[in-house]
Amino acid sequence: MNLYISVLRTLVPLFVGWVVTAAGAFGVDTDSTTVTAGVTALVTAAYYAVFRALEEWATKQDWKPLRLVAGVLLGWARPPEYPARTPAAQPSGAQSDAAEGRTA
């Protein structure tokens, strides 16, 4: 589920960036593919950065309505939570050697 949420939170800003750029909101000639792609990337990055920063700030301020709005505008109401990683298991002999005071 977390993968789905993180992908959705990336795709929604991309879609919004594309819509804003395609609408010509910034006076960019949409016939120029290179310029359009660059502006789309910049608008998308700015959109994501602004709403992600608002979401973090609202979380620190415990302002739930703003956090909810910023999260929804990123595609999901809250940031994804990833499970903590557990340390890799040691080889079976290494642990018993260390417990007995032996070294390799």
PDB file of N, CA and C in Angstrom:
ATOM      1  N   MET A   1       0.827  -1.207   0.000  1.00  0.00           N
ATOM      2  CA  MET A   1       0.000   0.000   0.000  1.00  0.00           C
ATOM      3  C   MET A   1       0.861   1.256   0.000  1.00  0.00           C
ATOM      4  N   ASN A   2       1.993   1.263   0.721  1.00  0.00           N
ATOM      5  CA  ASN A   2       2.838   2.440   0.760  1.00  0.00           C
ATOM      6  C   ASN A   2       3.413   2.780  -0.609  1.00  0.00           C
ATOM      7  N   LEU A   3       3.720   1.766  -1.425  1.00  0.00           N
ATOM      8  CA  LEU A   3       4.230   2.021  -2.762  1.00  0.00           C
ATOM      9  C   LEU A   3       3.165   2.727  -3.590  1.00  0.00           C
ATOM     10  N   TYR A   4       1.942   2.272  -3.501  1.00  0.00           N
ATOM     11  CA  TYR A   4       0.842   2.901  -4.218  1.00  0.00           C
ATOM     12  C   TYR A   4       0.696   4.366  -3.811  1.00  0.00           C
ATOM     13  N   ILE A   5       0.762   4.622  -2.516  1.00  0.00           N
ATOM     14  CA  ILE A   5       0.621   5.988  -2.009  1.00  0.00           C
ATOM     15  C   ILE A   5       1.758   6.861  -2.509  1.00  0.00           C
ATOM     16  N   SER A   6       2.984   6.373  -2.440  1.00  0.00           N
ATOM     17  CA  SER A   6       4.115   7.196  -2.860  1.00  0.00           C
ATOM     18  C   SER A   6       4.063   7.475  -4.361  1.00  0.00           C
ATOM     19  N   VAL A   7       3.630   6.503  -5.157  1.00  0.00           N
ATOM     20  CA  VAL A   7       3.508   6.728  -6.600  1.00  0.00           C
ATOM     21  C   VAL A   7       2.391   7.741  -6.870  1.00  0.00           C
ATOM     22  N   LEU A   8       1.284   7.603  -6.199  1.00  0.00           N
ATOM     23  CA  LEU A   8       0.177   8.534  -6.372  1.00  0.00           C
ATOM     24  C   LEU A   8       0.598   9.950  -5.997  1.00  0.00           C
ATOM     25  N   ARG A   9       1.365  10.083  -4.907  1.00  0.00           N
ATOM     26  CA  ARG A   9       1.831  11.394  -4.465  1.00  0.00           C
ATOM     27  C   ARG A   9       2.830  11.998  -5.448  1.00  0.00           C
ATOM     28  N   THR A  10       3.423  11.212  -6.300  1.00  0.00           N
ATOM     29  CA  THR A  10       4.313  11.735  -7.335  1.00  0.00           C
ATOM     30  C   THR A  10       3.529  12.062  -8.599  1.00  0.00           C
ATOM     31  N   LEU A  11       2.579  11.230  -8.955  1.00  0.00           N
ATOM     32  CA  LEU A  11       1.847  11.419 -10.206  1.00  0.00           C
ATOM     33  C   LEU A  11       0.874  12.590 -10.174  1.00  0.00           C
ATOM     34  N   VAL A  12       0.254  12.849  -9.044  1.00  0.00           N
ATOM     35  CA  VAL A  12      -0.697  13.966  -8.969  1.00  0.00           C
ATOM     36  C   VAL A  12       0.001  15.299  -9.244  1.00  0.00           C
ATOM     37  N   PRO A  13       1.150  15.611  -8.619  1.00  0.00           N
ATOM     38  CA  PRO A  13       1.836  16.861  -8.978  1.00  0.00           C
ATOM     39  C   PRO A  13       2.285  16.895 -10.441  1.00  0.00           C
ATOM     40  N   LEU A  14       2.698  15.754 -10.993  1.00  0.00           N
ATOM     41  CA  LEU A  14       3.065  15.723 -12.408  1.00  0.00           C
ATOM     42  C   LEU A  14       1.868  16.088 -13.283  1.00  0.00           C
ATOM     43  N   PHE A  15       0.725  15.530 -12.958  1.00  0.00           N
ATOM     44  CA  PHE A  15      -0.487  15.816 -13.720  1.00  0.00           C
ATOM     45  C   PHE A  15      -0.859  17.297 -13.604  1.00  0.00           C
ATOM     46  N   VAL A  16      -0.793  17.838 -12.403  1.00  0.00           N
ATOM     47  CA  VAL A  16      -1.122  19.251 -12.211  1.00  0.00           C
ATOM     48  C   VAL A  16      -0.142  20.127 -12.983  1.00  0.00           C
ATOM     49  N   GLY A  17       1.147  19.799 -12.938  1.00  0.00           N
ATOM     50  CA  GLY A  17       2.132  20.560 -13.700  1.00  0.00           C
ATOM     51  C   GLY A  17       1.848  20.534 -15.185  1.00  0.00           C
ATOM     52  N   TRP A  18       1.465  19.387 -15.680  1.00  0.00           N
ATOM     53  CA  TRP A  18       1.141  19.250 -17.091  1.00  0.00           C
ATOM     54  C   TRP A  18      -0.095  20.071 -17.451  1.00  0.00           C
ATOM     55  N   VAL A  19      -1.132  20.010 -16.625  1.00  0.00           N
ATOM     56  CA  VAL A  19      -2.360  20.750 -16.899  1.00  0.00           C
ATOM     57  C   VAL A  19      -2.097  22.253 -16.911  1.00  0.00           C
ATOM     58  N   VAL A  20      -1.353  22.736 -15.907  1.00  0.00           N
ATOM     59  CA  VAL A  20      -1.071  24.170 -15.837  1.00  0.00           C
ATOM     60  C   VAL A  20      -0.268  24.613 -17.052  1.00  0.00           C
ATOM     61  N   THR A  21       0.724  23.831 -17.420  1.00  0.00           N
ATOM     62  CA  THR A  21       1.554  24.176 -18.571  1.00  0.00           C
ATOM     63  C   THR A  21       0.756  24.106 -19.862  1.00  0.00           C
ATOM     64  N   ALA A  22      -0.010  23.051 -20.034  1.00  0.00           N
ATOM     65  CA  ALA A  22      -0.804  22.887 -21.242  1.00  0.00           C
ATOM     66  C   ALA A  22      -1.837  23.993 -21.395  1.00  0.00           C
ATOM     67  N   ALA A  23      -2.299  24.520 -20.302  1.00  0.00           N
ATOM     68  CA  ALA A  23      -3.296  25.591 -20.357  1.00  0.00           C
ATOM     69  C   ALA A  23      -2.672  26.918 -20.759  1.00  0.00           C
ATOM     70  N   GLY A  24      -1.359  26.974 -20.807  1.00  0.00           N
ATOM     71  CA  GLY A  24      -0.694  28.212 -21.196  1.00  0.00           C
ATOM     72  C   GLY A  24      -0.791  29.292 -20.143  1.00  0.00           C
ATOM     73  N   ALA A  25      -0.917  28.894 -18.886  1.00  0.00           N
ATOM     74  CA  ALA A  25      -1.081  29.852 -17.804  1.00  0.00           C
ATOM     75  C   ALA A  25       0.109  30.800 -17.675  1.00  0.00           C
ATOM     76  N   PHE A  26       1.261  30.385 -18.178  1.00  0.00           N
ATOM     77  CA  PHE A  26       2.451  31.225 -18.053  1.00  0.00           C
ATOM     78  C   PHE A  26       2.839  31.870 -19.379  1.00  0.00           C
ATOM     79  N   GLY A  27       1.971  31.834 -20.373  1.00  0.00           N
ATOM     80  CA  GLY A  27       2.252  32.451 -21.651  1.00  0.00           C
ATOM     81  C   GLY A  27       3.287  31.717 -22.483  1.00  0.00           C
ATOM     82  N   VAL A  28       3.486  30.440 -22.221  1.00  0.00           N
ATOM     83  CA  VAL A  28       4.449  29.638 -22.958  1.00  0.00           C
ATOM     84  C   VAL A  28       3.787  29.084 -24.209  1.00  0.00           C
ATOM     85  N   ASP A  29       4.474  29.191 -25.329  1.00  0.00           N
ATOM     86  CA  ASP A  29       3.968  28.632 -26.579  1.00  0.00           C
ATOM     87  C   ASP A  29       4.036  27.115 -26.482  1.00  0.00           C
ATOM     88  N   THR A  30       2.887  26.452 -26.403  1.00  0.00           N
ATOM     89  CA  THR A  30       2.871  25.007 -26.215  1.00  0.00           C
ATOM     90  C   THR A  30       3.277  24.242 -27.466  1.00  0.00           C
ATOM     91  N   ASP A  31       3.545  24.947 -28.590  1.00  0.00           N
ATOM     92  CA  ASP A  31       4.027  24.263 -29.782  1.00  0.00           C
ATOM     93  C   ASP A  31       5.494  23.882 -29.651  1.00  0.00           C
ATOM     94  N   SER A  32       6.211  24.533 -28.776  1.00  0.00           N
ATOM     95  CA  SER A  32       7.622  24.233 -28.573  1.00  0.00           C
ATOM     96  C   SER A  32       7.747  23.110 -27.548  1.00  0.00           C
ATOM     97  N   THR A  33       8.031  21.931 -28.014  1.00  0.00           N
ATOM     98  CA  THR A  33       8.073  20.752 -27.153  1.00  0.00           C
ATOM     99  C   THR A  33       9.128  20.873 -26.059  1.00  0.00           C
ATOM    100  N   THR A  34      10.303  21.360 -26.407  1.00  0.00           N
ATOM    101  CA  THR A  34      11.385  21.459 -25.427  1.00  0.00           C
ATOM    102  C   THR A  34      11.055  22.448 -24.323  1.00  0.00           C
ATOM    103  N   VAL A  35      10.553  23.605 -24.704  1.00  0.00           N
ATOM    104  CA  VAL A  35      10.203  24.617 -23.714  1.00  0.00           C
ATOM    105  C   VAL A  35       9.064  24.117 -22.841  1.00  0.00           C
ATOM    106  N   THR A  36       8.088  23.491 -23.450  1.00  0.00           N
ATOM    107  CA  THR A  36       6.952  22.971 -22.699  1.00  0.00           C
ATOM    108  C   THR A  36       7.398  21.918 -21.694  1.00  0.00           C
ATOM    109  N   ALA A  37       8.281  21.034 -22.106  1.00  0.00           N
ATOM    110  CA  ALA A  37       8.771  19.997 -21.191  1.00  0.00           C
ATOM    111  C   ALA A  37       9.529  20.615 -20.031  1.00  0.00           C
ATOM    112  N   GLY A  38      10.362  21.609 -20.322  1.00  0.00           N
ATOM    113  CA  GLY A  38      11.121  22.271 -19.254  1.00  0.00           C
ATOM    114  C   GLY A  38      10.229  23.001 -18.276  1.00  0.00           C
ATOM    115  N   VAL A  39       9.257  23.724 -18.804  1.00  0.00           N
ATOM    116  CA  VAL A  39       8.335  24.448 -17.936  1.00  0.00           C
ATOM    117  C   VAL A  39       7.498  23.469 -17.126  1.00  0.00           C
ATOM    118  N   THR A  40       7.087  22.382 -17.734  1.00  0.00           N
ATOM    119  CA  THR A  40       6.322  21.365 -17.012  1.00  0.00           C
ATOM    120  C   THR A  40       7.125  20.825 -15.841  1.00  0.00           C
ATOM    121  N   ALA A  41       8.388  20.523 -16.076  1.00  0.00           N
ATOM    122  CA  ALA A  41       9.243  20.008 -14.999  1.00  0.00           C
ATOM    123  C   ALA A  41       9.398  21.041 -13.885  1.00  0.00           C
ATOM    124  N   LEU A  42       9.610  22.308 -14.247  1.00  0.00           N
ATOM    125  CA  LEU A  42       9.769  23.356 -13.231  1.00  0.00           C
ATOM    126  C   LEU A  42       8.484  23.585 -12.435  1.00  0.00           C
ATOM    127  N   VAL A  43       7.355  23.628 -13.135  1.00  0.00           N
ATOM    128  CA  VAL A  43       6.072  23.821 -12.448  1.00  0.00           C
ATOM    129  C   VAL A  43       5.788  22.643 -11.522  1.00  0.00           C
ATOM    130  N   THR A  44       6.078  21.447 -11.993  1.00  0.00           N
ATOM    131  CA  THR A  44       5.849  20.254 -11.179  1.00  0.00           C
ATOM    132  C   THR A  44       6.724  20.256  -9.939  1.00  0.00           C
ATOM    133  N   ALA A  45       8.000  20.560 -10.115  1.00  0.00           N
ATOM    134  CA  ALA A  45       8.922  20.591  -8.969  1.00  0.00           C
ATOM    135  C   ALA A  45       8.497  21.654  -7.963  1.00  0.00           C
ATOM    136  N   ALA A  46       8.115  22.827  -8.447  1.00  0.00           N
ATOM    137  CA  ALA A  46       7.675  23.893  -7.550  1.00  0.00           C
ATOM    138  C   ALA A  46       6.388  23.499  -6.821  1.00  0.00           C
ATOM    139  N   TYR A  47       5.450  22.931  -7.543  1.00  0.00           N
ATOM    140  CA  TYR A  47       4.183  22.490  -6.950  1.00  0.00           C
ATOM    141  C   TYR A  47       4.447  21.489  -5.830  1.00  0.00           C
ATOM    142  N   TYR A  48       5.248  20.472  -6.128  1.00  0.00           N
ATOM    143  CA  TYR A  48       5.534  19.440  -5.135  1.00  0.00           C
ATOM    144  C   TYR A  48       6.253  20.029  -3.935  1.00  0.00           C
ATOM    145  N   ALA A  49       7.269  20.856  -4.183  1.00  0.00           N
ATOM    146  CA  ALA A  49       8.053  21.425  -3.086  1.00  0.00           C
ATOM    147  C   ALA A  49       7.180  22.285  -2.168  1.00  0.00           C
ATOM    148  N   VAL A  50       6.318  23.106  -2.749  1.00  0.00           N
ATOM    149  CA  VAL A  50       5.467  23.985  -1.951  1.00  0.00           C
ATOM    150  C   VAL A  50       4.498  23.186  -1.080  1.00  0.00           C
ATOM    151  N   PHE A  51       3.802  22.253  -1.684  1.00  0.00           N
ATOM    152  CA  PHE A  51       2.804  21.517  -0.905  1.00  0.00           C
ATOM    153  C   PHE A  51       3.428  20.515   0.051  1.00  0.00           C
ATOM    154  N   ARG A  52       4.582  19.967  -0.289  1.00  0.00           N
ATOM    155  CA  ARG A  52       5.274  19.063   0.641  1.00  0.00           C
ATOM    156  C   ARG A  52       5.797  19.845   1.840  1.00  0.00           C
ATOM    157  N   ALA A  53       6.336  21.044   1.591  1.00  0.00           N
ATOM    158  CA  ALA A  53       6.809  21.897   2.686  1.00  0.00           C
ATOM    159  C   ALA A  53       5.642  22.332   3.576  1.00  0.00           C
ATOM    160  N   LEU A  54       4.515  22.695   2.969  1.00  0.00           N
ATOM    161  CA  LEU A  54       3.324  23.044   3.758  1.00  0.00           C
ATOM    162  C   LEU A  54       2.862  21.874   4.611  1.00  0.00           C
ATOM    163  N   GLU A  55       2.905  20.686   4.030  1.00  0.00           N
ATOM    164  CA  GLU A  55       2.485  19.495   4.763  1.00  0.00           C
ATOM    165  C   GLU A  55       3.393  19.250   5.963  1.00  0.00           C
ATOM    166  N   GLU A  56       4.691  19.374   5.767  1.00  0.00           N
ATOM    167  CA  GLU A  56       5.643  19.186   6.877  1.00  0.00           C
ATOM    168  C   GLU A  56       5.453  20.259   7.938  1.00  0.00           C
ATOM    169  N   TRP A  57       5.312  21.508   7.519  1.00  0.00           N
ATOM    170  CA  TRP A  57       5.140  22.604   8.459  1.00  0.00           C
ATOM    171  C   TRP A  57       3.846  22.428   9.258  1.00  0.00           C
ATOM    172  N   ALA A  58       2.775  22.054   8.561  1.00  0.00           N
ATOM    173  CA  ALA A  58       1.488  21.844   9.238  1.00  0.00           C
ATOM    174  C   ALA A  58       1.579  20.696  10.238  1.00  0.00           C
ATOM    175  N   THR A  59       2.361  19.672   9.914  1.00  0.00           N
ATOM    176  CA  THR A  59       2.548  18.554  10.838  1.00  0.00           C
ATOM    177  C   THR A  59       3.261  19.025  12.098  1.00  0.00           C
ATOM    178  N   LYS A  60       4.321  19.820  11.929  1.00  0.00           N
ATOM    179  CA  LYS A  60       5.071  20.327  13.091  1.00  0.00           C
ATOM    180  C   LYS A  60       4.227  21.265  13.942  1.00  0.00           C
ATOM    181  N   GLN A  61       3.325  22.015  13.306  1.00  0.00           N
ATOM    182  CA  GLN A  61       2.451  22.944  14.026  1.00  0.00           C
ATOM    183  C   GLN A  61       1.187  22.257  14.536  1.00  0.00           C
ATOM    184  N   ASP A  62       1.028  20.997  14.214  1.00  0.00           N
ATOM    185  CA  ASP A  62      -0.173  20.220  14.561  1.00  0.00           C
ATOM    186  C   ASP A  62      -1.438  20.883  14.010  1.00  0.00           C
ATOM    187  N   TRP A  63      -1.339  21.377  12.783  1.00  0.00           N
ATOM    188  CA  TRP A  63      -2.459  22.030  12.099  1.00  0.00           C
ATOM    189  C   TRP A  63      -3.027  21.032  11.101  1.00  0.00           C
ATOM    190  N   LYS A  64      -3.942  20.205  11.578  1.00  0.00           N
ATOM    191  CA  LYS A  64      -4.459  19.085  10.797  1.00  0.00           C
ATOM    192  C   LYS A  64      -5.200  19.483   9.517  1.00  0.00           C
ATOM    193  N   PRO A  65      -6.023  20.548   9.515  1.00  0.00           N
ATOM    194  CA  PRO A  65      -6.707  20.898   8.257  1.00  0.00           C
ATOM    195  C   PRO A  65      -5.734  21.271   7.129  1.00  0.00           C
ATOM    196  N   LEU A  66      -4.691  22.044   7.436  1.00  0.00           N
ATOM    197  CA  LEU A  66      -3.721  22.408   6.407  1.00  0.00           C
ATOM    198  C   LEU A  66      -2.944  21.185   5.949  1.00  0.00           C
ATOM    199  N   ARG A  67      -2.575  20.321   6.885  1.00  0.00           N
ATOM    200  CA  ARG A  67      -1.866  19.093   6.513  1.00  0.00           C
ATOM    201  C   ARG A  67      -2.731  18.237   5.592  1.00  0.00           C
ATOM    202  N   LEU A  68      -4.017  18.157   5.888  1.00  0.00           N
ATOM    203  CA  LEU A  68      -4.939  17.383   5.060  1.00  0.00           C
ATOM    204  C   LEU A  68      -5.050  17.966   3.652  1.00  0.00           C
ATOM    205  N   VAL A  69      -5.228  19.278   3.554  1.00  0.00           N
ATOM    206  CA  VAL A  69      -5.365  19.925   2.245  1.00  0.00           C
ATOM    207  C   VAL A  69      -4.079  19.750   1.438  1.00  0.00           C
ATOM    208  N   ALA A  70      -2.925  20.009   2.054  1.00  0.00           N
ATOM    209  CA  ALA A  70      -1.650  19.855   1.343  1.00  0.00           C
ATOM    210  C   ALA A  70      -1.455  18.409   0.902  1.00  0.00           C
ATOM    211  N   GLY A  71      -1.794  17.465   1.758  1.00  0.00           N
ATOM    212  CA  GLY A  71      -1.665  16.058   1.410  1.00  0.00           C
ATOM    213  C   GLY A  71      -2.583  15.653   0.270  1.00  0.00           C
ATOM    214  N   VAL A  72      -3.821  16.118   0.304  1.00  0.00           N
ATOM    215  CA  VAL A  72      -4.767  15.795  -0.766  1.00  0.00           C
ATOM    216  C   VAL A  72      -4.280  16.383  -2.089  1.00  0.00           C
ATOM    217  N   LEU A  73      -3.729  17.581  -2.061  1.00  0.00           N
ATOM    218  CA  LEU A  73      -3.208  18.196  -3.282  1.00  0.00           C
ATOM    219  C   LEU A  73      -1.937  17.515  -3.775  1.00  0.00           C
ATOM    220  N   LEU A  74      -1.371  16.639  -2.960  1.00  0.00           N
ATOM    221  CA  LEU A  74      -0.258  15.799  -3.401  1.00  0.00           C
ATOM    222  C   LEU A  74      -0.736  14.415  -3.808  1.00  0.00           C
ATOM    223  N   GLY A  75      -2.027  14.148  -3.657  1.00  0.00           N
ATOM    224  CA  GLY A  75      -2.580  12.886  -4.114  1.00  0.00           C
ATOM    225  C   GLY A  75      -2.978  11.928  -3.011  1.00  0.00           C
ATOM    226  N   TRP A  76      -2.616  12.224  -1.768  1.00  0.00           N
ATOM    227  CA  TRP A  76      -2.983  11.368  -0.642  1.00  0.00           C
ATOM    228  C   TRP A  76      -3.032  12.235   0.592  1.00  0.00           C
ATOM    229  N   ALA A  77      -3.906  11.942   1.529  1.00  0.00           N
ATOM    230  CA  ALA A  77      -4.130  12.829   2.663  1.00  0.00           C
ATOM    231  C   ALA A  77      -2.976  12.907   3.658  1.00  0.00           C
ATOM    232  N   ARG A  78      -2.061  11.951   3.622  1.00  0.00           N
ATOM    233  CA  ARG A  78      -0.917  12.006   4.547  1.00  0.00           C
ATOM    234  C   ARG A  78       0.291  11.333   3.905  1.00  0.00           C
ATOM    235  N   PRO A  79       1.486  11.689   4.381  1.00  0.00           N
ATOM    236  CA  PRO A  79       2.685  11.074   3.799  1.00  0.00           C
ATOM    237  C   PRO A  79       2.704   9.568   4.030  1.00  0.00           C
ATOM    238  N   PRO A  80       3.300   8.810   3.127  1.00  0.00           N
ATOM    239  CA  PRO A  80       3.388   7.364   3.354  1.00  0.00           C
ATOM    240  C   PRO A  80       4.315   7.059   4.521  1.00  0.00           C
ATOM    241  N   GLU A  81       4.016   6.001   5.241  1.00  0.00           N
ATOM    242  CA  GLU A  81       4.857   5.565   6.353  1.00  0.00           C
ATOM    243  C   GLU A  81       5.508   4.254   5.953  1.00  0.00           C
ATOM    244  N   TYR A  82       6.818   4.213   6.046  1.00  0.00           N
ATOM    245  CA  TYR A  82       7.559   3.023   5.670  1.00  0.00           C
ATOM    246  C   TYR A  82       7.975   2.275   6.930  1.00  0.00           C
ATOM    247  N   PRO A  83       7.877   0.939   6.926  1.00  0.00           N
ATOM    248  CA  PRO A  83       8.274   0.184   8.109  1.00  0.00           C
ATOM    249  C   PRO A  83       9.779   0.324   8.341  1.00  0.00           C
ATOM    250  N   ALA A  84      10.164   0.299   9.610  1.00  0.00           N
ATOM    251  CA  ALA A  84      11.581   0.398   9.952  1.00  0.00           C
ATOM    252  C   ALA A  84      12.294  -0.872   9.523  1.00  0.00           C
ATOM    253  N   ARG A  85      13.497  -0.706   9.033  1.00  0.00           N
ATOM    254  CA  ARG A  85      14.280  -1.871   8.616  1.00  0.00           C
ATOM    255  C   ARG A  85      14.941  -2.506   9.827  1.00  0.00           C
ATOM    256  N   THR A  86      14.999  -3.818   9.817  1.00  0.00           N
ATOM    257  CA  THR A  86      15.690  -4.531  10.881  1.00  0.00           C
ATOM    258  C   THR A  86      17.107  -4.816  10.414  1.00  0.00           C
ATOM    259  N   PRO A  87      18.079  -4.826  11.338  1.00  0.00           N
ATOM    260  CA  PRO A  87      19.452  -5.103  10.919  1.00  0.00           C
ATOM    261  C   PRO A  87      19.563  -6.510  10.346  1.00  0.00           C
ATOM    262  N   ALA A  88      20.485  -6.675   9.412  1.00  0.00           N
ATOM    263  CA  ALA A  88      20.688  -7.986   8.791  1.00  0.00           C
ATOM    264  C   ALA A  88      21.188  -8.977   9.841  1.00  0.00           C
ATOM    265  N   ALA A  89      20.729 -10.198   9.727  1.00  0.00           N
ATOM    266  CA  ALA A  89      21.138 -11.242  10.666  1.00  0.00           C
ATOM    267  C   ALA A  89      22.603 -11.596  10.442  1.00  0.00           C
ATOM    268  N   GLN A  90      23.318 -11.844  11.538  1.00  0.00           N
ATOM    269  CA  GLN A  90      24.708 -12.246  11.436  1.00  0.00           C
ATOM    270  C   GLN A  90      24.772 -13.729  11.093  1.00  0.00           C
ATOM    271  N   PRO A  91      25.869 -14.165  10.474  1.00  0.00           N
ATOM    272  CA  PRO A  91      26.027 -15.605  10.233  1.00  0.00           C
ATOM    273  C   PRO A  91      25.937 -16.369  11.555  1.00  0.00           C
ATOM    274  N   SER A  92      25.443 -17.576  11.514  1.00  0.00           N
ATOM    275  CA  SER A  92      25.168 -18.327  12.743  1.00  0.00           C
ATOM    276  C   SER A  92      26.400 -18.524  13.611  1.00  0.00           C
ATOM    277  N   GLY A  93      27.555 -18.734  13.043  1.00  0.00           N
ATOM    278  CA  GLY A  93      28.759 -18.948  13.842  1.00  0.00           C
ATOM    279  C   GLY A  93      29.311 -17.679  14.443  1.00  0.00           C
ATOM    280  N   ALA A  94      29.076 -16.533  13.830  1.00  0.00           N
ATOM    281  CA  ALA A  94      29.645 -15.273  14.298  1.00  0.00           C
ATOM    282  C   ALA A  94      29.100 -14.878  15.650  1.00  0.00           C
ATOM    283  N   GLN A  95      27.823 -15.092  15.877  1.00  0.00           N
ATOM    284  CA  GLN A  95      27.227 -14.697  17.133  1.00  0.00           C
ATOM    285  C   GLN A  95      27.738 -15.575  18.291  1.00  0.00           C
ATOM    286  N   SER A  96      27.848 -16.866  18.069  1.00  0.00           N
ATOM    287  CA  SER A  96      28.303 -17.743  19.151  1.00  0.00           C
ATOM    288  C   SER A  96      29.771 -17.525  19.440  1.00  0.00           C
ATOM    289  N   ASP A  97      30.598 -17.217  18.420  1.00  0.00           N
ATOM    290  CA  ASP A  97      32.009 -16.932  18.652  1.00  0.00           C
ATOM    291  C   ASP A  97      32.177 -15.677  19.489  1.00  0.00           C
ATOM    292  N   ALA A  98      31.403 -14.646  19.184  1.00  0.00           N
ATOM    293  CA  ALA A  98      31.496 -13.406  19.931  1.00  0.00           C
ATOM    294  C   ALA A  98      31.051 -13.607  21.373  1.00  0.00           C
ATOM    295  N   ALA A  99      30.042 -14.426  21.580  1.00  0.00           N
ATOM    296  CA  ALA A  99      29.545 -14.661  22.931  1.00  0.00           C
ATOM    297  C   ALA A  99      30.572 -15.407  23.775  1.00  0.00           C
ATOM    298  N   GLU A 100      31.382 -16.239  23.139  1.00  0.00           N
ATOM    299  CA  GLU A 100      32.394 -17.021  23.874  1.00  0.00           C
ATOM    300  C   GLU A 100      33.732 -16.281  23.951  1.00  0.00           C
ATOM    301  N   GLY A 101      33.828 -15.111  23.362  1.00  0.00           N
ATOM    302  CA  GLY A 101      35.062 -14.337  23.449  1.00  0.00           C
ATOM    303  C   GLY A 101      36.102 -14.730  22.404  1.00  0.00           C
ATOM    304  N   ARG A 102      35.752 -15.556  21.435  1.00  0.00           N
ATOM    305  CA  ARG A 102      36.706 -15.949  20.393  1.00  0.00           C
ATOM    306  C   ARG A 102      36.698 -14.931  19.264  1.00  0.00           C
ATOM    307  N   THR A 103      37.824 -14.812  18.578  1.00  0.00           N
ATOM    308  CA  THR A 103      37.917 -13.959  17.403  1.00  0.00           C
ATOM    309  C   THR A 103      38.316 -14.821  16.217  1.00  0.00           C
ATOM    310  N   ALA A 104      38.058 -14.321  15.048  1.00  0.00           N
ATOM    311  CA  ALA A 104      38.351 -15.076  13.829  1.00  0.00           C
ATOM    312  C   ALA A 104      39.811 -15.078  13.488  1.00  0.00           C
TER     313      ALA A 104
END
